[in-house]
């Protein structure tokens, strides 16, 4: 490598930091290959995540344009050198990959690769990916490999950190999927209860109208008007279910729009009045916005399911350089210092964990018979 010890260390540090900043699997993969190609000064870099069917579930390249990639065609199969890296879990450093007996060719539009450095990415005993670089940007004698042992050692370090970053990203995405599933299930139950009540009322009213048609047509007409009104309300609830059972899209809609929509749905689904207000909000990092949303949902769930409140208010406002979320209800209240039934107690633990995880503070104020206020404050960026 042409870099001196200090600049080389800085480059490695920058690459490792870049990997740790991303949580989405695709972003992590792209960062790994871009960092590897830049650090080892290669023309091409790629990373493949194998599937269970002899192909790759994901394959990310750097150094190939979108037009070239489209011309190359489908993702590669696990054959040739790639299969060897995955199967034998060892490093491959070759002067000319095309002359290796395991080489099986590539599509016509594929760039021409010569010197090659590749190694598996491992999580314990499991091979979770194959990372390789090709065509080192340096003068080299005919038939020799431009990638050095130093390059090989450096790529091994990157691969170790790539395994950590990729595993963390997978855990994050799995956790998010589970959270979305939990929220969808909760909202489905909320809406099911509300729609079931509407349909039950509609059925009784229709039966009453049918009984009155002959002996009291005027009253029957009134009951039929009520049937129409109840049917419209049930249709609105079902329409809300179709919309709101989709995962909360913080990236697209933002925290405020998501909270406003969810409080509107809960207001329709419950006899309690649920309101939302916002004063002076500014966008926050994604982790903080997600934590605020989850705490609000947990607090709303507790208030609507356990407190018997007639009114629940959700408010978001600026305080100094930070943001405060406040959920207040006029329900039965409880003693925060006492250990309550598991559902409520665990809900408070979950809210505290989410809050502390983003550097915030959670305050719970409640008195039996006088309602509850849950306040979450997160610092500014």
Protein backbone atom coordinates (compact mmCIF):
# COMPACT_ATOMS: atom_id res chain seq x y z
CA UNK A 1 0.00 0.00 0.00
CA UNK A 2 1.20 3.50 -0.77
CA UNK A 3 -0.22 5.04 2.40
CA UNK A 4 2.05 5.68 5.37
CA UNK A 5 1.31 4.10 8.76
CA UNK A 6 -0.60 7.11 10.08
CA UNK A 7 -2.71 7.71 6.95
CA UNK A 8 -3.29 3.94 6.58
CA UNK A 9 -4.55 3.68 10.16
CA UNK A 10 -6.84 6.66 9.60
CA UNK A 11 -8.25 5.04 6.46
CA UNK A 12 -8.92 1.78 8.30
CA UNK A 13 -10.55 3.67 11.15
CA UNK A 14 -12.78 5.59 8.72
CA UNK A 15 -13.83 2.37 7.00
CA UNK A 16 -14.73 0.65 10.28
CA UNK A 17 -16.66 3.70 11.49
CA UNK A 18 -18.58 3.83 8.21
CA UNK A 19 -19.65 0.20 8.66
CA UNK A 20 -20.92 0.82 12.17
CA UNK A 21 -23.10 3.79 11.18
CA UNK A 22 -25.64 1.80 9.18
CA UNK A 23 -28.39 -0.50 10.41
CA UNK A 24 -30.03 -1.58 7.16
CA UNK A 25 -28.45 -4.75 5.74
CA UNK A 26 -28.26 -3.38 2.19
CA UNK A 27 -26.54 -0.19 3.39
CA UNK A 28 -24.05 -2.21 5.43
CA UNK A 29 -23.16 -4.37 2.43
CA UNK A 30 -22.65 -1.34 0.18
CA UNK A 31 -20.48 0.36 2.79
CA UNK A 32 -18.31 -2.74 3.22
CA UNK A 33 -17.54 -3.13 -0.50
CA UNK A 34 -16.97 0.60 -1.05
CA UNK A 35 -14.63 0.75 1.96
CA UNK A 36 -12.72 -2.34 0.87
CA UNK A 37 -12.24 -1.11 -2.71
CA UNK A 38 -11.07 2.32 -1.61
CA UNK A 39 -8.80 1.02 1.13
CA UNK A 40 -7.06 -1.56 -1.04
CA UNK A 41 -7.12 0.61 -4.20
CA UNK A 42 -8.84 -1.92 -6.47
CA UNK A 43 -10.93 -1.39 -9.59
CA UNK A 44 -13.68 -3.74 -8.47
CA UNK A 45 -15.12 -5.07 -5.22
CA UNK A 46 -18.10 -7.30 -4.51
CA UNK A 47 -19.80 -9.00 -1.60
CA UNK A 48 -22.24 -11.87 -1.90
CA UNK A 49 -24.57 -13.21 0.79
CA UNK A 50 -25.38 -16.85 -0.06
CA UNK A 51 -28.88 -18.29 -0.07
CA UNK A 52 -29.81 -21.93 0.54
CA UNK A 53 -30.29 -22.77 -3.14
CA UNK A 54 -26.84 -22.42 -4.67
CA UNK A 55 -27.19 -18.71 -5.47
CA UNK A 56 -26.90 -15.41 -3.65
CA UNK A 57 -29.66 -13.76 -1.67
CA UNK A 58 -27.84 -10.44 -2.09
CA UNK A 59 -24.86 -9.45 -4.21
CA UNK A 60 -23.43 -5.92 -4.01
CA UNK A 61 -20.74 -4.55 -6.33
CA UNK A 62 -18.62 -1.39 -6.37
CA UNK A 63 -16.77 -0.16 -9.46
CA UNK A 64 -19.46 -1.31 -11.91
CA UNK A 65 -22.00 1.18 -13.24
CA UNK A 66 -25.75 0.54 -13.07
CA UNK A 67 -25.83 0.16 -16.87
CA UNK A 68 -23.02 -2.42 -16.78
CA UNK A 69 -24.70 -4.31 -13.96
CA UNK A 70 -28.00 -4.49 -15.86
CA UNK A 71 -26.15 -5.76 -18.95
CA UNK A 72 -24.38 -8.47 -16.91
CA UNK A 73 -27.72 -10.04 -16.05
CA UNK A 74 -28.88 -12.24 -13.13
CA UNK A 75 -26.97 -12.63 -9.87
CA UNK A 76 -24.11 -15.16 -10.06
CA UNK A 77 -24.41 -18.70 -8.80
CA UNK A 78 -22.15 -20.21 -6.16
CA UNK A 79 -19.59 -21.68 -8.54
CA UNK A 80 -15.92 -21.38 -9.33
CA UNK A 81 -13.81 -19.27 -6.98
CA UNK A 82 -16.88 -17.93 -5.15
CA UNK A 83 -17.99 -21.46 -4.31
CA UNK A 84 -14.47 -22.32 -3.11
CA UNK A 85 -14.42 -19.35 -0.75
CA UNK A 86 -17.80 -20.28 0.68
CA UNK A 87 -17.22 -24.03 0.83
CA UNK A 88 -13.62 -24.11 2.06
CA UNK A 89 -13.79 -20.88 4.08
CA UNK A 90 -10.30 -19.79 3.11
CA UNK A 91 -8.63 -16.78 1.50
CA UNK A 92 -7.90 -16.79 -2.23
CA UNK A 93 -5.12 -14.54 -3.63
CA UNK A 94 -4.53 -15.12 -7.34
CA UNK A 95 -2.31 -13.49 -9.97
CA UNK A 96 -4.93 -14.17 -12.67
CA UNK A 97 -8.33 -15.58 -11.73
CA UNK A 98 -8.94 -16.55 -15.36
CA UNK A 99 -6.08 -19.07 -15.27
CA UNK A 100 -7.25 -20.82 -12.11
CA UNK A 101 -8.55 -24.35 -12.87
CA UNK A 102 -11.71 -23.58 -10.90
CA UNK A 103 -12.58 -20.58 -13.08
CA UNK A 104 -15.86 -21.13 -14.94
CA UNK A 105 -16.19 -17.90 -16.90
CA UNK A 106 -18.60 -14.98 -16.66
CA UNK A 107 -21.22 -13.22 -18.84
CA UNK A 108 -20.13 -11.29 -21.94
CA UNK A 109 -20.83 -7.90 -20.36
CA UNK A 110 -18.83 -8.74 -17.24
CA UNK A 111 -15.67 -6.64 -16.71
CA UNK A 112 -12.42 -8.46 -17.31
CA UNK A 113 -10.84 -9.43 -13.97
CA UNK A 114 -7.24 -10.49 -13.50
CA UNK A 115 -5.52 -10.36 -10.10
CA UNK A 116 -7.93 -11.34 -7.37
CA UNK A 117 -8.18 -11.26 -3.57
CA UNK A 118 -11.15 -12.84 -1.84
CA UNK A 119 -12.09 -14.29 1.50
CA UNK A 120 -15.16 -15.51 3.36
CA UNK A 121 -16.99 -13.45 5.96
CA UNK A 122 -17.63 -15.64 8.98
CA UNK A 123 -19.86 -15.44 12.01
CA UNK A 124 -18.38 -18.12 14.23
CA UNK A 125 -18.43 -21.31 12.20
CA UNK A 126 -21.01 -20.00 9.74
CA UNK A 127 -19.95 -18.43 6.44
CA UNK A 128 -22.34 -15.52 5.92
CA UNK A 129 -20.74 -13.91 2.89
CA UNK A 130 -17.91 -13.78 0.36
CA UNK A 131 -15.93 -10.55 -0.10
CA UNK A 132 -13.53 -10.10 -2.99
CA UNK A 133 -11.57 -7.47 -4.89
CA UNK A 134 -10.05 -7.54 -8.37
CA UNK A 135 -7.63 -5.55 -10.51
CA UNK A 136 -5.30 -3.77 -8.10
CA UNK A 137 -4.49 -0.25 -9.29
CA UNK A 138 -0.71 -0.51 -9.31
CA UNK A 139 2.13 -1.44 -11.70
CA UNK A 140 2.99 -5.13 -11.46
CA UNK A 141 5.20 -7.58 -13.34
CA UNK A 142 3.48 -9.80 -15.87
CA UNK A 143 1.88 -12.80 -14.19
CA UNK A 144 2.13 -11.45 -10.64
CA UNK A 145 -0.61 -10.49 -8.22
CA UNK A 146 -0.91 -6.84 -7.34
CA UNK A 147 -2.53 -7.65 -4.00
CA UNK A 148 0.06 -8.14 -1.26
CA UNK A 149 0.10 -10.06 2.00
CA UNK A 150 -0.45 -6.71 3.71
CA UNK A 151 -3.60 -6.25 1.60
CA UNK A 152 -4.71 -9.74 2.59
CA UNK A 153 -4.23 -9.02 6.29
CA UNK A 154 -6.08 -5.73 5.96
CA UNK A 155 -9.01 -7.35 4.15
CA UNK A 156 -9.16 -9.99 6.88
CA UNK A 157 -9.56 -7.23 9.48
CA UNK A 158 -12.30 -5.64 7.40
CA UNK A 159 -14.05 -9.00 7.04
CA UNK A 160 -14.07 -9.54 10.81
CA UNK A 161 -15.72 -6.16 11.37
CA UNK A 162 -18.00 -6.73 8.39
CA UNK A 163 -19.28 -9.90 10.07
CA UNK A 164 -20.12 -7.91 13.20
CA UNK A 165 -21.79 -5.10 11.23
CA UNK A 166 -23.77 -7.52 9.08
CA UNK A 167 -24.90 -9.58 12.06
CA UNK A 168 -25.99 -6.44 13.93
CA UNK A 169 -27.88 -5.20 10.88
CA UNK A 170 -29.70 -8.52 10.58
CA UNK A 171 -30.61 -8.44 14.27
CA UNK A 172 -31.85 -4.86 13.89
CA UNK A 173 -34.03 -5.72 10.90
CA UNK A 174 -35.38 -8.81 12.67
CA UNK A 175 -36.16 -6.76 15.77
CA UNK A 176 -37.92 -4.17 13.65
CA UNK A 177 -39.95 -6.87 11.90
CA UNK A 178 -41.04 -8.27 15.26
CA UNK A 179 -41.96 -4.80 16.52
CA UNK A 180 -44.02 -4.14 13.40
CA UNK A 181 -45.75 -7.50 13.79
CA UNK A 182 -46.55 -6.73 17.44
CA UNK A 183 -47.95 -3.30 16.55
CA UNK A 184 -50.01 -4.74 13.69
CA UNK A 185 -51.44 -7.40 16.02
CA UNK A 186 -52.26 -4.83 18.70
CA UNK A 187 -53.95 -2.48 16.24
CA UNK A 188 -55.85 -5.37 14.68
CA UNK A 189 -57.29 -6.26 18.09
CA UNK A 190 -58.20 -2.62 18.76
CA UNK A 191 -60.01 -2.27 15.45
CA UNK A 192 -61.60 -5.71 15.67
CA UNK A 193 -63.21 -4.77 18.98
CA UNK A 194 -64.54 -1.50 17.61
CA UNK A 195 -65.86 -2.96 14.34
CA UNK A 196 -67.43 -5.93 16.15
CA UNK A 197 -69.36 -3.55 18.41
CA UNK A 198 -70.59 -1.57 15.40
CA UNK A 199 -71.69 -4.71 13.55
CA UNK A 200 -73.47 -6.08 16.62
CA UNK A 201 -75.41 -2.82 16.99
CA UNK A 202 -76.18 -2.83 13.28
CA UNK A 203 -77.58 -6.37 13.50
CA UNK A 204 -79.84 -5.56 16.45
CA UNK A 205 -81.10 -2.37 14.80
CA UNK A 206 -81.83 -4.19 11.54
CA UNK A 207 -83.78 -6.84 13.45
CA UNK A 208 -85.78 -4.12 15.20
CA UNK A 209 -86.55 -2.44 11.86
CA UNK A 210 -87.74 -5.74 10.39
CA UNK A 211 -90.09 -6.30 13.35
CA UNK A 212 -91.60 -2.79 12.96
CA UNK A 213 -92.13 -2.74 9.19
CA UNK A 214 -95.75 -3.94 9.31
CA UNK A 215 -97.11 -2.41 12.53
CA UNK A 216 -95.16 0.85 12.73
CA UNK A 217 -93.61 1.88 9.36
CA UNK A 218 -92.57 5.32 10.66
CA UNK A 219 -90.47 3.82 13.46
CA UNK A 220 -89.11 1.19 11.08
CA UNK A 221 -87.93 3.98 8.78
CA UNK A 222 -86.10 5.61 11.68
CA UNK A 223 -84.43 2.31 12.58
CA UNK A 224 -83.33 1.87 8.95
CA UNK A 225 -81.72 5.32 9.01
CA UNK A 226 -79.82 4.16 12.08
CA UNK A 227 -78.76 0.99 10.21
CA UNK A 228 -77.35 3.15 7.43
CA UNK A 229 -75.43 5.31 9.92
CA UNK A 230 -73.99 2.28 11.72
CA UNK A 231 -73.00 0.67 8.40
CA UNK A 232 -71.16 3.87 7.40
CA UNK A 233 -69.30 3.92 10.71
CA UNK A 234 -68.32 0.24 10.34
CA UNK A 235 -67.09 0.93 6.80
CA UNK A 236 -64.96 3.81 8.11
CA UNK A 237 -63.43 1.56 10.76
CA UNK A 238 -62.60 -1.10 8.19
CA UNK A 239 -61.09 1.51 5.89
CA UNK A 240 -58.94 2.70 8.77
CA UNK A 241 -57.88 -0.90 9.42
CA UNK A 242 -56.70 -1.33 5.83
CA UNK A 243 -54.61 1.84 6.06
CA UNK A 244 -53.27 1.54 9.59
CA UNK A 245 -52.32 -2.13 9.60
CA UNK A 246 -49.44 -1.15 7.35
CA UNK A 247 -46.18 -0.62 9.29
CA UNK A 248 -45.64 2.89 10.60
CA UNK A 249 -43.45 4.54 7.96
CA UNK A 250 -41.39 6.97 9.97
CA UNK A 251 -38.94 7.41 7.10
CA UNK A 252 -41.69 8.55 4.73
CA UNK A 253 -44.23 10.22 7.03
CA UNK A 254 -42.19 11.36 10.02
CA UNK A 255 -43.04 11.08 13.70
CA UNK A 256 -45.69 13.80 13.87
CA UNK A 257 -47.77 12.55 10.93
CA UNK A 258 -47.52 8.97 12.21
CA UNK A 259 -48.61 9.90 15.74
CA UNK A 260 -51.44 12.08 14.47
CA UNK A 261 -52.80 9.29 12.27
CA UNK A 262 -52.56 6.66 15.00
CA UNK A 263 -54.32 8.82 17.58
CA UNK A 264 -57.11 9.50 15.07
CA UNK A 265 -57.59 5.76 14.55
CA UNK A 266 -57.60 5.05 18.30
CA UNK A 267 -60.07 7.90 18.84
CA UNK A 268 -62.44 6.19 16.41
CA UNK A 269 -61.85 2.74 17.87
CA UNK A 270 -62.53 3.61 21.54
CA UNK A 271 -65.21 5.37 23.52
CA UNK A 272 -62.49 7.49 25.16
CA UNK A 273 -61.59 10.75 23.41
CA UNK A 274 -58.01 10.58 22.06
CA UNK A 275 -56.42 13.87 20.96
CA UNK A 276 -53.05 14.96 19.63
CA UNK A 277 -51.22 18.30 19.64
CA UNK A 278 -47.79 19.44 18.53
CA UNK A 279 -45.85 22.62 19.24
CA UNK A 280 -42.45 23.42 17.77
CA UNK A 281 -41.30 19.94 16.75
CA UNK A 282 -38.18 19.50 14.64
CA UNK A 283 -36.90 16.34 12.98
CA UNK A 284 -34.78 14.04 15.15
CA UNK A 285 -32.45 11.12 14.42
CA UNK A 286 -34.34 8.00 13.34
CA UNK A 287 -33.56 6.09 16.56
CA UNK A 288 -35.00 8.86 18.73
CA UNK A 289 -38.15 9.21 16.63
CA UNK A 290 -38.75 5.46 16.72
CA UNK A 291 -38.28 5.40 20.51
CA UNK A 292 -40.74 8.30 20.94
CA UNK A 293 -43.29 6.50 18.76
CA UNK A 294 -42.99 3.21 20.66
CA UNK A 295 -43.27 4.89 24.06
CA UNK A 296 -46.34 6.81 22.88
CA UNK A 297 -47.94 3.58 21.64
CA UNK A 298 -47.24 1.76 24.91
CA UNK A 299 -48.60 4.65 26.99
CA UNK A 300 -51.72 4.85 24.81
CA UNK A 301 -52.25 1.11 25.10
CA UNK A 302 -52.06 1.27 28.90
CA UNK A 303 -54.39 4.26 29.12
CA UNK A 304 -57.03 2.84 26.78
CA UNK A 305 -56.94 -0.73 28.05
CA UNK A 306 -56.37 -0.37 31.77
CA UNK A 307 -57.26 3.08 33.06
CA UNK A 308 -60.92 3.52 32.08
CA UNK A 309 -60.06 7.06 30.92
CA UNK A 310 -62.59 9.28 29.21
CA UNK A 311 -59.90 11.46 27.62
CA UNK A 312 -56.31 10.65 26.58
CA UNK A 313 -54.13 13.47 25.28
CA UNK A 314 -50.86 13.05 23.36
CA UNK A 315 -48.66 16.14 23.06
CA UNK A 316 -45.25 16.77 21.51
CA UNK A 317 -43.36 20.01 22.13
CA UNK A 318 -39.90 21.53 22.21
CA UNK A 319 -38.16 22.08 25.53
CA UNK A 320 -34.86 23.89 25.29
CA UNK A 321 -32.86 22.02 22.67
CA UNK A 322 -34.79 18.78 23.14
CA UNK A 323 -38.23 17.29 22.50
CA UNK A 324 -40.85 16.22 25.04
CA UNK A 325 -43.58 13.64 24.47
CA UNK A 326 -46.44 13.72 27.01
CA UNK A 327 -49.32 11.21 27.25
CA UNK A 328 -51.97 12.21 29.81
CA UNK A 329 -55.16 10.41 30.77
CA UNK A 330 -57.95 11.10 33.28
CA UNK A 331 -58.35 7.45 34.20
CA UNK A 332 -58.06 5.44 37.41
CA UNK A 333 -54.35 6.08 37.94
CA UNK A 334 -52.02 3.89 40.00
CA UNK A 335 -49.13 4.02 42.43
CA UNK A 336 -45.91 4.12 40.36
CA UNK A 337 -43.88 2.84 43.32
CA UNK A 338 -45.97 -0.28 43.76
CA UNK A 339 -45.54 -3.40 41.69
CA UNK A 340 -48.66 -3.68 39.60
CA UNK A 341 -50.02 -6.41 37.39
CA UNK A 342 -47.43 -7.76 34.97
CA UNK A 343 -48.79 -6.08 31.82
CA UNK A 344 -48.56 -2.55 33.19
CA UNK A 345 -45.32 -3.15 35.07
CA UNK A 346 -43.58 -4.61 32.04
CA UNK A 347 -44.93 -1.79 29.91
CA UNK A 348 -43.22 0.75 32.14
CA UNK A 349 -39.97 -1.22 32.04
CA UNK A 350 -40.12 -1.32 28.24
CA UNK A 351 -40.72 2.44 28.06
CA UNK A 352 -37.82 3.15 30.40
CA UNK A 353 -35.51 0.91 28.37
CA UNK A 354 -36.48 2.55 25.09
CA UNK A 355 -36.01 6.01 26.60
CA UNK A 356 -32.61 5.33 28.14
CA UNK A 357 -31.51 3.69 24.90
CA UNK A 358 -31.65 7.06 23.12
CA UNK A 359 -30.24 9.12 26.00
CA UNK A 360 -33.60 10.38 27.22
CA UNK A 361 -35.45 10.53 30.53
CA UNK A 362 -38.87 9.13 31.42
CA UNK A 363 -41.12 10.54 34.13
CA UNK A 364 -44.26 8.79 35.36
CA UNK A 365 -46.74 10.76 37.47
CA UNK A 366 -49.87 8.99 38.68
CA UNK A 367 -52.18 8.97 41.67
CA UNK A 368 -54.94 6.40 42.22
CA UNK A 369 -58.20 7.95 41.05
CA UNK A 370 -56.52 10.99 39.47
CA UNK A 371 -55.12 9.81 36.17
CA UNK A 372 -51.63 9.36 34.78
CA UNK A 373 -49.07 11.46 32.93
CA UNK A 374 -46.11 9.83 31.18
CA UNK A 375 -43.45 12.21 29.91
CA UNK A 376 -40.47 11.31 27.77
CA UNK A 377 -37.76 13.87 27.00
CA UNK A 378 -34.94 13.37 24.52
CA UNK A 379 -32.01 15.74 24.05
CA UNK A 380 -31.43 17.73 20.91
CA UNK A 381 -28.92 16.63 18.28
